[in-house]
C-alpha cells in the first residue's frame, strides 16, 4: 500500500518539477504501471516504452491531478490510454468491422481463473493487438462495450466481435496448453470447463 500523505508530498514536488520527487514517484508506481502496460504490449521492451511515455504525460499534467482522489486510479487510466495511443500510432490497431451479431460466450471468469496471472499475460500478449486491446479493456479493466467503442473509435458491434474472437483464441490456446501439461506432467484436465454454455 502506498501512503497517501507521502504520495501527495511527492506529487507536490512533481508540480514544482523536482527531479527527486519525480524519480521517487516513478519508483513507487513502476510495478503497477508495468503490470498494465505489459497487458497491451507484445513484449517487455514495448511495455517499458509505453510506461515511460505514460509517466511523461503524468509529469506534464500532474498539476491538474485532484489529490482528494486515488493517484493509482488516475495513473492507471493514463497508462491504458497511453497503451492505446502507442498501438494506434504504430498502426497496430486494425479493426475489421463485423456486421454479424455476436453473442458473448460469457467465459471471462473461467478463462481468467484457469490460468495464473503470468500464464494469462503470456497468452494475451500473443493475441493480435486489436483483440488484445478489447479483451484487456473489457475483462481486465472492466469497461463496457459502449465505453470501449468510444475509446477505440469503433462500433459496439466491432468491440463485441473482437472480444468474442479474443476469447475463442484464448480458449483454444488454454486447452492446448493444458493438454500439453496433461501429457507431459500427468495433470488431468476437466474438458467440461471449456464447453460453450
C-alpha atoms as a PDB file:
ATOM      1  CA  UNK A   1       0.000   0.000   0.000  1.00  0.00           C
ATOM      2  CA  UNK A   2       1.207   3.498  -0.797  1.00  0.00           C
ATOM      3  CA  UNK A   3       0.947   6.097   1.992  1.00  0.00           C
ATOM      4  CA  UNK A   4      -1.349   8.800   0.577  1.00  0.00           C
ATOM      5  CA  UNK A   5       0.354  11.612   2.547  1.00  0.00           C
ATOM      6  CA  UNK A   6       3.749  10.526   1.218  1.00  0.00           C
ATOM      7  CA  UNK A   7       2.351  10.294  -2.329  1.00  0.00           C
ATOM      8  CA  UNK A   8       0.764  13.757  -2.034  1.00  0.00           C
ATOM      9  CA  UNK A   9       4.145  15.156  -0.922  1.00  0.00           C
ATOM     10  CA  UNK A  10       5.770  13.592  -3.983  1.00  0.00           C
ATOM     11  CA  UNK A  11       3.000  14.982  -6.210  1.00  0.00           C
ATOM     12  CA  UNK A  12       3.578  18.472  -4.749  1.00  0.00           C
ATOM     13  CA  UNK A  13       7.279  18.054  -5.524  1.00  0.00           C
ATOM     14  CA  UNK A  14       6.492  16.921  -9.077  1.00  0.00           C
ATOM     15  CA  UNK A  15       4.319  20.023  -9.570  1.00  0.00           C
ATOM     16  CA  UNK A  16       7.491  22.035  -8.865  1.00  0.00           C
ATOM     17  CA  UNK A  17       9.367  19.819 -11.354  1.00  0.00           C
ATOM     18  CA  UNK A  18      11.580  18.439  -8.586  1.00  0.00           C
ATOM     19  CA  UNK A  19      13.616  15.589 -10.152  1.00  0.00           C
ATOM     20  CA  UNK A  20      13.955  13.668  -6.871  1.00  0.00           C
ATOM     21  CA  UNK A  21      10.150  13.667  -6.359  1.00  0.00           C
ATOM     22  CA  UNK A  22       9.642  12.536  -9.968  1.00  0.00           C
ATOM     23  CA  UNK A  23      12.107   9.680  -9.534  1.00  0.00           C
ATOM     24  CA  UNK A  24      10.536   8.540  -6.254  1.00  0.00           C
ATOM     25  CA  UNK A  25       7.012   8.660  -7.725  1.00  0.00           C
ATOM     26  CA  UNK A  26       8.236   6.664 -10.731  1.00  0.00           C
ATOM     27  CA  UNK A  27       9.831   4.056  -8.454  1.00  0.00           C
ATOM     28  CA  UNK A  28       6.714   3.847  -6.254  1.00  0.00           C
ATOM     29  CA  UNK A  29       4.428   3.064  -9.189  1.00  0.00           C
ATOM     30  CA  UNK A  30       6.852   1.311 -11.559  1.00  0.00           C
ATOM     31  CA  UNK A  31       5.477  -2.162 -10.795  1.00  0.00           C
ATOM     32  CA  UNK A  32       1.837  -1.114 -11.082  1.00  0.00           C
ATOM     33  CA  UNK A  33       2.432   0.816 -14.304  1.00  0.00           C
ATOM     34  CA  UNK A  34       4.303  -2.108 -15.859  1.00  0.00           C
ATOM     35  CA  UNK A  35       1.555  -4.561 -14.906  1.00  0.00           C
ATOM     36  CA  UNK A  36      -0.888  -2.525 -17.023  1.00  0.00           C
ATOM     37  CA  UNK A  37       1.423  -1.802 -19.964  1.00  0.00           C
ATOM     38  CA  UNK A  38       2.528  -5.448 -20.239  1.00  0.00           C
ATOM     39  CA  UNK A  39      -1.077  -6.466 -20.942  1.00  0.00           C
ATOM     40  CA  UNK A  40      -1.246  -4.233 -24.017  1.00  0.00           C
ATOM     41  CA  UNK A  41       2.348  -4.604 -25.238  1.00  0.00           C
ATOM     42  CA  UNK A  42       3.711  -7.500 -27.237  1.00  0.00           C
ATOM     43  CA  UNK A  43       6.856  -7.748 -25.088  1.00  0.00           C
ATOM     44  CA  UNK A  44       8.675  -6.135 -22.173  1.00  0.00           C
ATOM     45  CA  UNK A  45      10.561  -3.629 -24.366  1.00  0.00           C
ATOM     46  CA  UNK A  46       7.286  -2.249 -25.758  1.00  0.00           C
ATOM     47  CA  UNK A  47       5.800  -2.148 -22.252  1.00  0.00           C
ATOM     48  CA  UNK A  48       8.731  -0.082 -20.926  1.00  0.00           C
ATOM     49  CA  UNK A  49       8.393   2.331 -23.866  1.00  0.00           C
ATOM     50  CA  UNK A  50       4.647   2.734 -23.214  1.00  0.00           C
ATOM     51  CA  UNK A  51       5.149   3.170 -19.478  1.00  0.00           C
ATOM     52  CA  UNK A  52       7.840   5.834 -19.902  1.00  0.00           C
ATOM     53  CA  UNK A  53       5.520   7.702 -22.314  1.00  0.00           C
ATOM     54  CA  UNK A  54       2.791   7.390 -19.676  1.00  0.00           C
ATOM     55  CA  UNK A  55       4.997   8.804 -16.910  1.00  0.00           C
ATOM     56  CA  UNK A  56       5.997  11.669 -19.190  1.00  0.00           C
ATOM     57  CA  UNK A  57       2.281  12.522 -19.567  1.00  0.00           C
ATOM     58  CA  UNK A  58       1.802  12.180 -15.797  1.00  0.00           C
ATOM     59  CA  UNK A  59       4.624  14.629 -15.056  1.00  0.00           C
ATOM     60  CA  UNK A  60       3.351  17.042 -17.723  1.00  0.00           C
ATOM     61  CA  UNK A  61      -0.203  17.063 -16.334  1.00  0.00           C
ATOM     62  CA  UNK A  62       0.354  16.361 -12.633  1.00  0.00           C
ATOM     63  CA  UNK A  63      -0.680  19.902 -11.653  1.00  0.00           C
ATOM     64  CA  UNK A  64      -4.227  19.004 -12.822  1.00  0.00           C
ATOM     65  CA  UNK A  65      -4.463  15.933 -10.549  1.00  0.00           C
ATOM     66  CA  UNK A  66      -7.051  16.192  -7.756  1.00  0.00           C
ATOM     67  CA  UNK A  67      -5.221  14.951  -4.623  1.00  0.00           C
ATOM     68  CA  UNK A  68      -8.516  14.043  -2.941  1.00  0.00           C
ATOM     69  CA  UNK A  69      -8.803  11.161  -5.434  1.00  0.00           C
ATOM     70  CA  UNK A  70      -6.654   7.994  -5.544  1.00  0.00           C
ATOM     71  CA  UNK A  71      -3.499   8.650  -7.555  1.00  0.00           C
ATOM     72  CA  UNK A  72      -3.221   4.968  -8.544  1.00  0.00           C
ATOM     73  CA  UNK A  73      -6.567   5.143 -10.400  1.00  0.00           C
ATOM     74  CA  UNK A  74      -5.508   8.269 -12.298  1.00  0.00           C
ATOM     75  CA  UNK A  75      -2.156   6.706 -13.192  1.00  0.00           C
ATOM     76  CA  UNK A  76      -3.899   3.515 -14.349  1.00  0.00           C
ATOM     77  CA  UNK A  77      -6.179   5.430 -16.729  1.00  0.00           C
ATOM     78  CA  UNK A  78      -3.216   7.286 -18.203  1.00  0.00           C
ATOM     79  CA  UNK A  79      -1.317   4.020 -18.731  1.00  0.00           C
ATOM     80  CA  UNK A  80      -4.315   2.441 -20.500  1.00  0.00           C
ATOM     81  CA  UNK A  81      -4.792   5.492 -22.743  1.00  0.00           C
ATOM     82  CA  UNK A  82      -1.059   5.661 -23.480  1.00  0.00           C
ATOM     83  CA  UNK A  83      -1.104   1.951 -24.430  1.00  0.00           C
ATOM     84  CA  UNK A  84      -3.970   2.565 -26.851  1.00  0.00           C
ATOM     85  CA  UNK A  85      -2.212   5.638 -28.323  1.00  0.00           C
ATOM     86  CA  UNK A  86       1.008   3.652 -28.723  1.00  0.00           C
ATOM     87  CA  UNK A  87      -0.707   0.815 -30.603  1.00  0.00           C
ATOM     88  CA  UNK A  88      -2.675   3.283 -32.730  1.00  0.00           C
ATOM     89  CA  UNK A  89       0.450   5.270 -33.648  1.00  0.00           C
ATOM     90  CA  UNK A  90       2.277   2.069 -34.588  1.00  0.00           C
ATOM     91  CA  UNK A  91      -0.686   1.255 -36.889  1.00  0.00           C
ATOM     92  CA  UNK A  92      -1.248  -1.947 -34.917  1.00  0.00           C
ATOM     93  CA  UNK A  93      -4.890  -1.325 -34.036  1.00  0.00           C
ATOM     94  CA  UNK A  94      -6.599  -2.542 -37.189  1.00  0.00           C
ATOM     95  CA  UNK A  95     -10.247  -3.339 -36.598  1.00  0.00           C
ATOM     96  CA  UNK A  96     -12.349  -5.127 -39.181  1.00  0.00           C
ATOM     97  CA  UNK A  97     -15.968  -4.002 -38.994  1.00  0.00           C
ATOM     98  CA  UNK A  98     -18.088  -7.037 -38.225  1.00  0.00           C
ATOM     99  CA  UNK A  99     -21.750  -6.721 -39.120  1.00  0.00           C
ATOM    100  CA  UNK A 100     -22.759 -10.140 -37.821  1.00  0.00           C
ATOM    101  CA  UNK A 101     -24.402 -10.332 -34.404  1.00  0.00           C
ATOM    102  CA  UNK A 102     -22.086 -11.994 -31.948  1.00  0.00           C
ATOM    103  CA  UNK A 103     -23.256 -13.446 -28.669  1.00  0.00           C
ATOM    104  CA  UNK A 104     -20.932 -13.132 -25.703  1.00  0.00           C
ATOM    105  CA  UNK A 105     -19.940 -16.677 -24.684  1.00  0.00           C
ATOM    106  CA  UNK A 106     -19.656 -15.488 -21.079  1.00  0.00           C
ATOM    107  CA  UNK A 107     -16.428 -17.295 -20.297  1.00  0.00           C
ATOM    108  CA  UNK A 108     -14.338 -14.389 -18.951  1.00  0.00           C
ATOM    109  CA  UNK A 109     -14.113 -15.673 -15.392  1.00  0.00           C
ATOM    110  CA  UNK A 110     -13.310 -19.194 -16.446  1.00  0.00           C
ATOM    111  CA  UNK A 111     -10.532 -18.040 -18.755  1.00  0.00           C
ATOM    112  CA  UNK A 112      -9.051 -15.762 -16.118  1.00  0.00           C
ATOM    113  CA  UNK A 113      -9.428 -18.216 -13.218  1.00  0.00           C
ATOM    114  CA  UNK A 114      -7.998 -21.214 -15.073  1.00  0.00           C
ATOM    115  CA  UNK A 115      -4.547 -19.655 -15.509  1.00  0.00           C
ATOM    116  CA  UNK A 116      -2.122 -17.905 -13.223  1.00  0.00           C
ATOM    117  CA  UNK A 117      -1.747 -14.180 -13.980  1.00  0.00           C
ATOM    118  CA  UNK A 118       1.667 -14.809 -15.600  1.00  0.00           C
ATOM    119  CA  UNK A 119       0.242 -17.557 -17.846  1.00  0.00           C
ATOM    120  CA  UNK A 120      -2.749 -15.408 -18.813  1.00  0.00           C
ATOM    121  CA  UNK A 121      -0.454 -12.455 -19.580  1.00  0.00           C
ATOM    122  CA  UNK A 122       1.732 -14.650 -21.794  1.00  0.00           C
ATOM    123  CA  UNK A 123      -1.285 -15.876 -23.772  1.00  0.00           C
ATOM    124  CA  UNK A 124      -2.882 -12.402 -24.026  1.00  0.00           C
ATOM    125  CA  UNK A 125       0.373 -10.973 -25.427  1.00  0.00           C
ATOM    126  CA  UNK A 126       0.189 -13.453 -28.325  1.00  0.00           C
ATOM    127  CA  UNK A 127      -3.251 -12.175 -29.409  1.00  0.00           C
ATOM    128  CA  UNK A 128      -3.435  -9.783 -32.386  1.00  0.00           C
ATOM    129  CA  UNK A 129      -3.277  -6.191 -30.990  1.00  0.00           C
ATOM    130  CA  UNK A 130      -6.931  -5.368 -31.772  1.00  0.00           C
ATOM    131  CA  UNK A 131      -8.222  -8.485 -29.972  1.00  0.00           C
ATOM    132  CA  UNK A 132      -5.746  -7.984 -27.122  1.00  0.00           C
ATOM    133  CA  UNK A 133      -6.845  -4.384 -26.559  1.00  0.00           C
ATOM    134  CA  UNK A 134     -10.583  -5.118 -26.475  1.00  0.00           C
ATOM    135  CA  UNK A 135     -10.042  -8.161 -24.230  1.00  0.00           C
ATOM    136  CA  UNK A 136      -7.995  -6.094 -21.764  1.00  0.00           C
ATOM    137  CA  UNK A 137     -10.432  -3.181 -21.704  1.00  0.00           C
ATOM    138  CA  UNK A 138     -13.461  -5.448 -21.181  1.00  0.00           C
ATOM    139  CA  UNK A 139     -12.129  -8.278 -18.988  1.00  0.00           C
ATOM    140  CA  UNK A 140      -9.201  -6.715 -17.121  1.00  0.00           C
ATOM    141  CA  UNK A 141     -10.226  -3.037 -16.922  1.00  0.00           C
ATOM    142  CA  UNK A 142     -13.983  -3.647 -16.651  1.00  0.00           C
ATOM    143  CA  UNK A 143     -15.172  -1.242 -19.358  1.00  0.00           C
ATOM    144  CA  UNK A 144     -18.454  -1.858 -21.172  1.00  0.00           C
ATOM    145  CA  UNK A 145     -18.669  -2.173 -24.967  1.00  0.00           C
ATOM    146  CA  UNK A 146     -20.163   1.312 -25.324  1.00  0.00           C
ATOM    147  CA  UNK A 147     -17.146   2.808 -23.499  1.00  0.00           C
ATOM    148  CA  UNK A 148     -14.660   0.669 -25.437  1.00  0.00           C
ATOM    149  CA  UNK A 149     -16.253   1.674 -28.748  1.00  0.00           C
ATOM    150  CA  UNK A 150     -15.834   5.335 -27.803  1.00  0.00           C
ATOM    151  CA  UNK A 151     -12.222   4.891 -26.645  1.00  0.00           C
ATOM    152  CA  UNK A 152     -11.149   2.953 -29.736  1.00  0.00           C
ATOM    153  CA  UNK A 153     -13.375   4.842 -32.213  1.00  0.00           C
ATOM    154  CA  UNK A 154     -15.129   1.672 -33.359  1.00  0.00           C
ATOM    155  CA  UNK A 155     -18.716   0.434 -33.249  1.00  0.00           C
ATOM    156  CA  UNK A 156     -20.085  -1.560 -30.321  1.00  0.00           C
ATOM    157  CA  UNK A 157     -20.592  -4.488 -32.715  1.00  0.00           C
ATOM    158  CA  UNK A 158     -16.904  -4.422 -33.639  1.00  0.00           C
ATOM    159  CA  UNK A 159     -15.965  -4.327 -29.956  1.00  0.00           C
ATOM    160  CA  UNK A 160     -18.193  -7.346 -29.211  1.00  0.00           C
ATOM    161  CA  UNK A 161     -16.890  -9.223 -32.245  1.00  0.00           C
ATOM    162  CA  UNK A 162     -13.247  -8.629 -31.293  1.00  0.00           C
ATOM    163  CA  UNK A 163     -13.905  -9.725 -27.699  1.00  0.00           C
ATOM    164  CA  UNK A 164     -15.625 -12.892 -28.930  1.00  0.00           C
ATOM    165  CA  UNK A 165     -12.692 -13.742 -31.216  1.00  0.00           C
ATOM    166  CA  UNK A 166     -10.132 -12.960 -28.493  1.00  0.00           C
ATOM    167  CA  UNK A 167     -11.891 -15.308 -26.060  1.00  0.00           C
ATOM    168  CA  UNK A 168     -12.186 -18.026 -28.709  1.00  0.00           C
ATOM    169  CA  UNK A 169      -8.444 -17.895 -29.453  1.00  0.00           C
ATOM    170  CA  UNK A 170      -7.582 -17.829 -25.738  1.00  0.00           C
ATOM    171  CA  UNK A 171      -9.810 -20.832 -25.027  1.00  0.00           C
ATOM    172  CA  UNK A 172      -8.095 -22.815 -27.790  1.00  0.00           C
ATOM    173  CA  UNK A 173      -4.640 -21.818 -26.517  1.00  0.00           C
ATOM    174  CA  UNK A 174      -5.540 -22.724 -22.923  1.00  0.00           C
ATOM    175  CA  UNK A 175      -6.920 -26.123 -23.968  1.00  0.00           C
ATOM    176  CA  UNK A 176      -3.749 -26.854 -25.980  1.00  0.00           C
ATOM    177  CA  UNK A 177      -1.515 -25.756 -23.097  1.00  0.00           C
ATOM    178  CA  UNK A 178      -3.477 -27.837 -20.589  1.00  0.00           C
ATOM    179  CA  UNK A 179      -3.451 -30.916 -22.845  1.00  0.00           C
ATOM    180  CA  UNK A 180       0.308 -30.479 -23.238  1.00  0.00           C
ATOM    181  CA  UNK A 181       0.727 -30.333 -19.432  1.00  0.00           C
ATOM    182  CA  UNK A 182      -1.566 -33.322 -19.134  1.00  0.00           C
ATOM    183  CA  UNK A 183       0.557 -35.425 -21.489  1.00  0.00           C
ATOM    184  CA  UNK A 184       3.913 -34.307 -20.066  1.00  0.00           C
ATOM    185  CA  UNK A 185       3.195 -33.872 -16.363  1.00  0.00           C
ATOM    186  CA  UNK A 186       0.280 -36.217 -15.843  1.00  0.00           C
ATOM    187  CA  UNK A 187      -2.005 -33.339 -14.876  1.00  0.00           C
ATOM    188  CA  UNK A 188      -5.641 -34.117 -15.581  1.00  0.00           C
ATOM    189  CA  UNK A 189      -7.938 -31.774 -17.479  1.00  0.00           C
ATOM    190  CA  UNK A 190     -11.605 -31.181 -16.995  1.00  0.00           C
ATOM    191  CA  UNK A 191     -12.695 -30.514 -20.589  1.00  0.00           C
ATOM    192  CA  UNK A 192     -16.233 -29.667 -19.457  1.00  0.00           C
ATOM    193  CA  UNK A 193     -14.834 -26.309 -18.289  1.00  0.00           C
ATOM    194  CA  UNK A 194     -14.272 -25.322 -21.888  1.00  0.00           C
ATOM    195  CA  UNK A 195     -17.620 -26.318 -23.372  1.00  0.00           C
ATOM    196  CA  UNK A 196     -19.721 -23.466 -24.676  1.00  0.00           C
ATOM    197  CA  UNK A 197     -22.562 -22.609 -22.374  1.00  0.00           C
END
